Protein backbone atom coordinates (compact mmCIF):
# COMPACT_ATOMS: atom_id res chain seq x y z
CA MET A 1 135.51 156.10 172.19
CA LYS A 2 132.85 158.16 170.39
CA LEU A 3 132.51 158.09 166.65
CA GLN A 4 135.40 160.22 165.34
CA ARG A 5 136.87 161.30 162.00
CA GLN A 6 140.02 159.41 161.05
CA GLU A 7 142.91 161.88 160.85
CA ALA A 8 145.18 159.66 158.77
CA ILE A 9 144.86 156.79 156.36
CA ASP A 10 145.20 153.43 158.09
CA SER A 11 146.48 150.67 155.78
CA ARG A 12 145.56 147.87 158.18
CA ILE A 13 142.66 145.49 157.49
CA SER A 14 139.81 146.89 159.57
CA ILE A 15 137.61 144.30 161.29
CA VAL A 16 134.44 145.58 162.97
CA HIS A 17 132.65 143.32 165.46
CA VAL A 18 129.03 144.37 165.96
CA TYR A 19 127.31 143.67 169.29
CA LYS A 20 124.68 145.36 171.44
CA SER A 21 126.81 146.65 174.32
CA PHE A 22 130.24 146.62 175.92
CA ASP A 23 128.80 147.39 179.37
CA VAL A 24 127.93 143.80 180.42
CA TYR A 25 130.72 141.27 180.70
CA ASN A 26 130.05 137.93 178.99
CA GLY A 27 131.69 135.21 176.91
CA LEU A 28 131.81 137.31 173.75
CA ILE A 29 133.61 140.15 175.52
CA GLU A 30 136.10 137.60 176.83
CA ILE A 31 136.66 136.18 173.32
CA LEU A 32 137.16 139.65 171.81
CA THR A 33 139.71 140.44 174.54
CA ILE A 34 141.54 137.17 173.87
CA MET A 35 141.63 138.08 170.19
CA ALA A 36 142.93 141.57 171.00
CA ASN A 37 145.75 140.03 173.02
CA ASP A 38 146.75 137.68 170.20
CA ILE A 39 146.02 139.37 166.86
CA ASP A 40 148.70 141.08 164.75
CA HIS A 41 147.82 144.75 165.26
CA GLY A 42 150.30 145.71 162.58
CA ARG A 43 148.11 143.96 160.00
CA TYR A 44 144.61 144.16 161.51
CA ARG A 45 142.62 146.93 163.15
CA LEU A 46 140.25 145.33 165.67
CA ILE A 47 137.11 147.35 166.46
CA ALA A 48 134.04 146.60 168.58
CA CYS A 49 131.04 148.68 167.46
CA VAL A 50 128.26 148.75 170.06
CA ASN A 51 125.12 150.71 170.88
CA ARG A 52 126.45 151.82 174.24
CA TYR A 53 129.69 151.90 176.19
CA GLN A 54 130.17 153.95 179.35
CA GLY A 55 133.64 152.77 180.34
CA ASN A 56 134.51 149.86 182.64
CA PRO A 57 137.54 147.75 183.63
CA PHE A 58 137.00 145.02 181.02
CA GLY A 59 136.45 147.59 178.28
CA ARG A 60 139.71 149.30 179.23
CA GLN A 61 141.40 145.90 179.25
CA PHE A 62 140.23 145.32 175.66
CA GLU A 63 141.52 148.75 174.65
CA SER A 64 144.85 148.30 176.42
CA ALA A 65 145.32 145.08 174.40
CA GLY A 66 145.01 147.10 171.19
CA GLY A 67 141.28 146.91 170.49
CA GLU A 68 139.06 149.91 169.83
CA ILE A 69 135.50 150.49 171.07
CA VAL A 70 133.14 152.63 169.01
CA SER A 71 129.91 153.62 170.75
CA LEU A 72 127.03 154.62 168.50
CA GLY A 73 125.30 156.28 171.46
CA VAL A 74 121.98 154.58 170.67
CA ARG A 75 119.38 155.29 173.35
CA PRO A 76 117.28 152.37 174.63
CA GLY A 77 113.57 152.32 173.87
CA LEU A 78 111.05 151.16 171.30
CA LEU A 79 112.95 152.86 168.47
CA GLU A 80 116.32 151.44 169.49
CA PRO A 81 116.48 148.89 166.61
CA VAL A 82 115.78 151.65 164.07
CA ARG A 83 118.38 153.97 165.62
CA GLU A 84 120.85 151.07 165.72
CA PHE A 85 120.31 150.26 162.03
CA PHE A 86 120.85 153.82 160.84
CA GLY A 87 123.75 154.34 163.25
CA LEU A 88 125.50 151.27 161.86
CA LEU A 89 124.70 152.24 158.28
CA ARG A 90 126.23 155.71 158.75
CA TYR A 91 129.30 154.21 160.44
CA PHE A 92 129.87 151.63 157.69
CA LEU A 93 129.42 154.18 154.91
CA LYS A 94 131.84 156.56 156.59
CA THR A 95 134.60 154.12 157.59
CA ARG A 96 134.25 151.38 154.92
CA PRO A 97 135.62 148.49 157.04
CA ALA A 98 137.08 145.51 155.19
CA VAL A 99 135.23 142.97 157.37
CA VAL A 100 132.11 143.20 159.49
CA GLN A 101 131.39 140.38 161.94
CA THR A 102 128.04 140.39 163.73
CA HIS A 103 127.29 138.47 166.93
CA VAL A 104 124.06 136.84 168.16
CA LEU A 105 120.48 137.16 166.94
CA ARG A 106 119.88 140.92 167.06
CA ALA A 107 123.17 142.01 165.52
CA ASN A 108 122.87 139.20 163.00
CA LEU A 109 119.65 140.79 161.82
CA ILE A 110 120.27 144.54 162.10
CA GLY A 111 124.05 144.51 161.61
CA LEU A 112 123.92 142.21 158.59
CA ALA A 113 121.25 144.33 156.92
CA ALA A 114 123.20 147.56 157.51
CA ALA A 115 126.49 146.05 156.31
CA ARG A 116 124.93 144.64 153.15
CA LEU A 117 123.18 147.92 152.36
CA ALA A 118 126.49 149.75 152.88
CA GLY A 119 128.15 147.44 150.36
CA ILE A 120 130.60 145.80 152.76
CA ARG A 121 132.28 142.96 150.88
CA ALA A 122 133.03 140.51 153.72
CA VAL A 123 130.19 140.11 156.23
CA VAL A 124 130.49 137.31 158.80
CA ALA A 125 127.53 136.31 161.00
CA THR A 126 128.17 134.55 164.31
CA GLU A 127 126.01 132.51 166.68
CA MET A 128 127.34 131.45 170.07
CA THR A 129 124.13 130.93 172.06
CA LEU A 130 121.47 128.24 172.02
CA GLN A 131 118.00 128.93 170.73
CA ASP A 132 115.08 129.44 173.15
CA THR A 133 117.29 130.34 176.13
CA ALA A 134 116.32 134.02 176.61
CA PHE A 135 115.57 134.92 180.23
CA THR A 136 111.84 135.64 179.79
CA ALA A 137 108.97 133.96 177.94
CA ALA A 138 108.27 137.20 176.07
CA ARG A 139 111.83 137.37 174.73
CA ARG A 140 111.78 133.70 173.77
CA PHE A 141 108.54 134.30 171.84
CA ARG A 142 110.10 137.34 170.16
CA ASP A 143 113.19 135.33 169.19
CA ARG A 144 111.08 132.53 167.70
CA CYS A 145 109.16 135.08 165.61
CA LEU A 146 112.39 136.66 164.36
CA ARG A 147 114.20 133.38 163.68
CA PRO A 148 112.99 132.84 160.08
CA LEU A 149 114.08 136.36 159.14
CA VAL A 150 117.43 135.95 160.91
CA SER A 151 117.96 132.60 159.16
CA PHE A 152 117.31 134.30 155.83
CA MET A 153 119.85 137.02 156.68
CA LEU A 154 122.40 134.42 157.77
CA SER A 155 122.10 132.77 154.37
CA ARG A 156 122.94 136.15 152.80
CA SER A 157 126.14 136.60 154.81
CA SER A 158 129.58 135.93 153.33
CA ALA A 159 130.15 133.29 156.02
CA PHE A 160 128.24 131.95 159.01
CA VAL A 161 130.29 130.99 162.08
CA ALA A 162 128.99 128.93 165.01
CA THR A 163 130.96 128.29 168.19
CA SER A 164 129.91 124.63 168.39
CA ARG A 165 128.61 121.93 166.06
CA PHE A 166 125.50 121.71 168.26
CA ILE A 167 124.65 125.38 167.67
CA ALA A 168 125.35 125.04 163.95
CA ASP A 169 122.95 122.09 163.73
CA GLN A 170 120.19 124.08 165.44
CA TRP A 171 120.37 126.80 162.80
CA MET A 172 120.67 124.31 159.94
CA ARG A 173 117.35 122.79 161.00
CA ASN A 174 115.77 126.20 160.39
CA HIS A 175 117.54 126.87 157.10
CA ARG A 176 118.92 123.86 155.22
CA THR A 177 120.96 125.95 152.79
CA LEU A 178 123.26 127.32 155.51
CA ALA A 179 126.86 126.08 155.36
CA PRO A 180 128.27 126.99 158.79
CA THR A 181 131.89 127.17 159.78
CA VAL A 182 132.46 125.86 163.31
CA ILE A 183 135.16 127.70 165.24
CA LEU A 184 135.41 126.54 168.82
CA PRO A 185 136.40 129.36 171.18
CA PRO A 186 139.79 129.76 172.90
CA PHE A 187 140.88 130.05 176.52
CA ASN A 188 142.52 133.22 177.83
CA LEU A 189 146.26 132.48 177.89
CA LYS A 190 147.13 135.85 179.41
CA LYS A 191 144.83 135.29 182.39
CA LEU A 192 146.29 131.82 182.84
CA GLN A 193 149.81 133.25 182.91
CA ASP A 194 148.79 136.05 185.29
CA ALA A 195 147.19 133.53 187.67
CA GLN A 196 150.40 131.50 187.82
CA GLU A 197 152.13 134.54 189.32
CA ALA A 198 149.39 135.25 191.88
CA GLU A 199 148.95 133.75 195.33
CA PRO A 200 146.72 130.63 195.33
CA GLU A 201 143.22 131.04 196.80
CA PRO A 202 143.13 129.72 200.40
CA LEU A 203 140.42 127.09 199.88
CA GLN A 204 139.59 124.08 202.02
CA ARG A 205 140.34 120.77 200.33
CA PRO A 206 139.19 118.56 198.78
CA ALA A 207 137.46 121.26 196.75
CA LEU A 208 134.95 121.19 193.92
CA CYS A 209 134.02 124.40 192.15
CA TYR A 210 131.26 125.66 189.93
CA ILE A 211 132.11 128.76 187.88
CA GLY A 212 129.49 130.64 185.89
CA ARG A 213 126.22 132.50 185.92
CA LEU A 214 123.78 131.53 188.68
CA SER A 215 120.76 130.99 186.47
CA GLU A 216 118.26 128.21 185.89
CA GLU A 217 119.82 126.71 182.75
CA LYS A 218 123.16 126.17 184.56
CA GLY A 219 121.72 123.52 186.90
CA VAL A 220 123.42 124.87 190.03
CA GLU A 221 120.33 124.15 192.14
CA TRP A 222 120.66 120.47 191.24
CA LEU A 223 124.33 120.51 192.21
CA VAL A 224 123.53 122.07 195.60
CA SER A 225 120.78 119.47 196.19
CA ALA A 226 123.18 116.69 195.20
CA MET A 227 125.70 117.64 197.87
CA GLY A 228 124.05 115.28 200.36
CA THR A 229 124.57 112.29 198.05
CA ILE A 230 128.04 113.53 197.14
CA HIS A 231 129.00 113.73 200.82
CA ALA A 232 127.85 110.16 201.36
CA ARG A 233 130.49 109.05 198.84
CA ALA A 234 133.14 111.74 199.33
CA PRO A 235 132.99 113.07 202.92
CA ARG A 236 134.62 116.42 203.70
CA VAL A 237 134.45 117.65 200.10
CA HIS A 238 133.78 121.41 199.81
CA LEU A 239 131.87 123.12 197.00
CA TYR A 240 132.89 126.64 195.94
CA ILE A 241 130.32 128.48 193.83
CA VAL A 242 131.93 131.26 191.79
CA GLY A 243 129.71 133.76 190.01
CA THR A 244 126.54 135.82 190.40
CA GLY A 245 123.11 135.80 188.83
CA PRO A 246 119.35 135.80 189.45
CA LEU A 247 119.41 132.60 191.57
CA HIS A 248 122.14 133.83 193.93
CA GLU A 249 119.92 134.52 196.96
CA SER A 250 117.64 131.49 196.53
CA LEU A 251 120.66 129.19 196.24
CA LYS A 252 122.21 130.66 199.38
CA GLN A 253 118.95 130.16 201.29
CA LYS A 254 118.60 126.60 200.01
CA SER A 255 122.14 125.67 201.03
CA ALA A 256 121.88 127.44 204.41
CA HIS A 257 119.21 125.00 205.60
CA ALA A 258 121.03 121.88 204.44
CA ALA A 259 122.94 119.56 206.78
CA TRP A 260 126.07 120.16 204.72
CA ALA A 261 125.73 123.97 204.69
CA SER A 262 129.23 124.49 206.10
CA TYR A 263 130.69 122.75 203.04
CA ILE A 264 129.12 125.11 200.47
CA HIS A 265 130.79 128.48 199.88
CA PHE A 266 129.55 131.36 197.71
CA VAL A 267 132.54 133.44 196.66
CA GLY A 268 130.94 135.80 194.13
CA HIS A 269 132.49 137.06 190.91
CA ARG A 270 136.19 136.57 190.22
CA PRO A 271 137.74 138.57 187.33
CA ASN A 272 140.33 135.84 186.78
CA VAL A 273 138.86 132.38 187.33
CA PHE A 274 142.26 130.74 186.81
CA GLU A 275 143.19 131.99 190.29
CA VAL A 276 140.37 129.84 191.72
CA LEU A 277 141.09 126.89 189.45
CA ARG A 278 144.65 126.73 190.81
CA SER A 279 143.28 125.74 194.22
CA VAL A 280 140.55 123.21 193.44
CA ASP A 281 140.52 119.49 192.75
CA CYS A 282 137.74 119.45 190.16
CA LEU A 283 135.41 121.70 188.16
CA VAL A 284 131.75 120.65 188.09
CA LEU A 285 129.47 122.07 185.38
CA PRO A 286 125.92 120.74 186.04
CA SER A 287 124.20 122.61 183.17
CA ARG A 288 120.79 121.75 181.78
CA SER A 289 121.80 123.37 178.47
CA GLU A 290 125.05 124.73 177.02
CA GLY A 291 126.36 126.16 173.76
CA CYS A 292 130.13 125.91 174.13
CA PRO A 293 131.13 126.57 177.77
CA LEU A 294 134.30 128.67 178.06
CA VAL A 295 134.78 127.60 181.68
CA VAL A 296 135.39 124.00 180.55
CA LEU A 297 138.17 125.22 178.25
CA GLU A 298 139.62 127.24 181.13
CA ALA A 299 139.68 124.24 183.45
CA MET A 300 141.23 122.09 180.72
CA ALA A 301 143.98 124.66 180.13
CA ALA A 302 144.60 124.95 183.88
CA GLY A 303 145.03 121.18 184.20
CA VAL A 304 141.94 120.78 186.40
CA PRO A 305 139.79 117.67 185.83
CA VAL A 306 136.22 118.32 184.71
CA ILE A 307 132.87 116.71 185.51
CA ALA A 308 130.12 118.08 183.26
CA THR A 309 126.71 117.17 181.94
CA ALA A 310 126.59 115.79 178.41
CA VAL A 311 124.51 118.63 176.96
CA GLY A 312 124.82 120.97 173.98
CA GLY A 313 128.36 121.56 172.79
CA THR A 314 130.09 120.24 175.95
CA PRO A 315 130.77 116.75 174.45
CA GLU A 316 132.66 118.55 171.65
CA LEU A 317 135.17 119.65 174.30
CA ILE A 318 135.25 116.68 176.68
CA GLU A 319 135.42 113.00 175.76
CA SER A 320 134.10 111.10 178.75
CA GLU A 321 136.65 109.02 180.66
CA LYS A 322 139.44 110.26 178.37
CA SER A 323 139.64 114.00 179.05
CA GLY A 324 136.99 114.34 181.76
CA ILE A 325 133.77 112.71 182.96
CA LEU A 326 130.34 113.41 181.44
CA VAL A 327 127.12 112.59 183.28
CA THR A 328 123.41 112.95 182.52
CA HIS A 329 121.80 116.08 183.92
CA GLY A 330 119.69 115.15 186.96
CA ASP A 331 121.40 111.79 187.54
CA THR A 332 122.50 112.48 191.11
CA PRO A 333 124.04 109.03 191.82
CA ALA A 334 126.17 109.30 188.66
CA LEU A 335 127.32 112.79 189.65
CA ALA A 336 128.22 111.62 193.17
CA LEU A 337 130.13 108.63 191.80
CA ALA A 338 132.07 110.89 189.39
CA VAL A 339 133.05 113.19 192.27
CA GLU A 340 134.13 110.20 194.37
CA ILE A 341 136.31 108.95 191.51
CA MET A 342 137.91 112.36 190.92
CA ILE A 343 138.66 112.91 194.61
CA ASN A 344 139.88 109.42 195.51
CA ASP A 345 141.53 108.17 192.31
CA THR A 346 144.25 110.79 192.00
CA LEU A 347 146.10 108.92 189.24
CA LEU A 348 142.98 108.85 187.04
CA ALA A 349 142.21 112.50 187.79
CA LYS A 350 145.74 113.51 186.82
CA ARG A 351 145.57 111.47 183.62
CA LEU A 352 142.25 113.03 182.59
CA ALA A 353 143.53 116.51 183.42
CA ALA A 354 146.78 116.01 181.50
CA ARG A 355 144.91 114.85 178.39
CA ALA A 356 142.49 117.78 178.70
CA ARG A 357 145.35 120.27 179.01
CA GLU A 358 147.02 118.79 175.93
CA LEU A 359 143.77 119.22 173.97
CA ALA A 360 143.33 122.79 175.24
CA PHE A 361 146.77 123.86 174.06
CA SER A 362 146.42 122.17 170.68
CA ARG A 363 142.77 122.78 169.72
CA PHE A 364 141.77 125.82 171.79
CA HIS A 365 144.95 127.89 172.01
CA PRO A 366 144.35 131.61 171.26
CA SER A 367 146.76 131.56 168.32
CA ALA A 368 144.86 128.66 166.71
CA PHE A 369 141.58 130.52 167.16
CA THR A 370 142.91 133.83 165.87
CA SER A 371 144.66 132.32 162.84
CA GLY A 372 141.53 130.36 161.99
CA LEU A 373 139.31 133.43 162.12
CA THR A 374 141.73 135.77 160.34
CA GLY A 375 142.26 133.05 157.74
CA LEU A 376 138.52 133.17 157.08
CA TYR A 377 138.67 136.97 156.73
CA GLU A 378 141.58 136.78 154.31
CA LYS A 379 139.83 134.13 152.22
CA LEU A 380 136.71 136.27 151.95
CA LEU A 381 138.86 139.23 150.90
CA GLY A 382 140.73 137.11 148.35
CA ARG A 383 144.08 137.42 150.11
CA LYS A 384 146.59 134.89 151.40
CA SER A 385 146.59 134.72 155.18
CA PRO A 386 149.93 134.90 157.03
CA GLY A 387 148.49 132.22 159.31
CA ASP A 388 147.77 129.69 156.54
CA SER A 389 150.61 127.47 157.70
CA HIS A 390 149.55 127.44 161.37
CA PRO A 391 149.45 123.82 162.57
CA GLY A 392 146.36 122.34 164.14
CA GLY A 393 143.80 124.79 165.47
CA ALA A 394 140.14 125.02 166.31
CA PHE A 395 139.06 126.03 162.85
CA GLY A 396 137.08 123.74 160.64
CA ARG A 397 134.54 124.09 157.85
CA ASP A 398 131.38 122.05 157.99
CA ALA A 399 129.06 121.80 155.03
């Protein structure tokens, strides 16, 4: 939706989420859609304000759930940050939202500055990615140069939210005065329910799956290489790789020349990963680095046991040998042993999965996430939140 004049006064609390684009699907878009499905639209007006949006299925899904997308129409180029700043400033001055929440480094710099200059009372900054993980060396250098300024801006926000304790600690090392609020993300309950009504994927069993971007930091190449050792301990196990990314072709070529090539399957992108999770015996996340992996929450909610590397924020979701199994990245024998245990010890796998599902529905349920975040908004606005009495939840303040 293009920037438009409001025809009538809207008494709802307007919440504007600032991000660079709604044209590339990622974890933030998923979280905003989850929030749109769960939030009380009678009380809150949920808006995503982005530089560009050209229309796509996931954008329409967000809108059909009650969210609104405002495109500033900012053209890419060297002057894009300047155009973005003034576009946001004009939008904030015109619409006067009650809350502005910015997401990730760029919006946390430009969006925060524009919101503060516009006099927005409640400005929430959010970080959900690890530092130094941009795709090119030039961008990583740029991010390191900008980090002191971003840290300064974060300290001037009304609240700073991180999606894992690990991410919060990274930013606190750069700016000791920050007092982050950690809000772990939710799983998509609607997608889980939709998948339960769909036909299961016809996969060969026993089946492992990897779900996510096919990029270097995800460690998929190590998982493919480890299949030989895995097969020595768990013969006939199949690996289904779900997702796309820059390593897609190189991974396919690597697996095609392996002795176990017929046991590795590349299935591409799936809009609802719960449909795949219904048909597998275990999720494997072999990442070299992670912030707070949504796919682990999805597997937990689906009742699928998880093997993951003990990196980043993953140990905040999985407690090894109680709600999953954590291994060291690169430790191929430990990974193979974990797969053997999950495949052959069905009672243990069921116990781990049941505990993980219980945690997912108590700590990472969409209603817990939404009530935690709206409770923060209401506190900043000096109001009493209708969700103050919500039990449990994924919301916690860390000094």
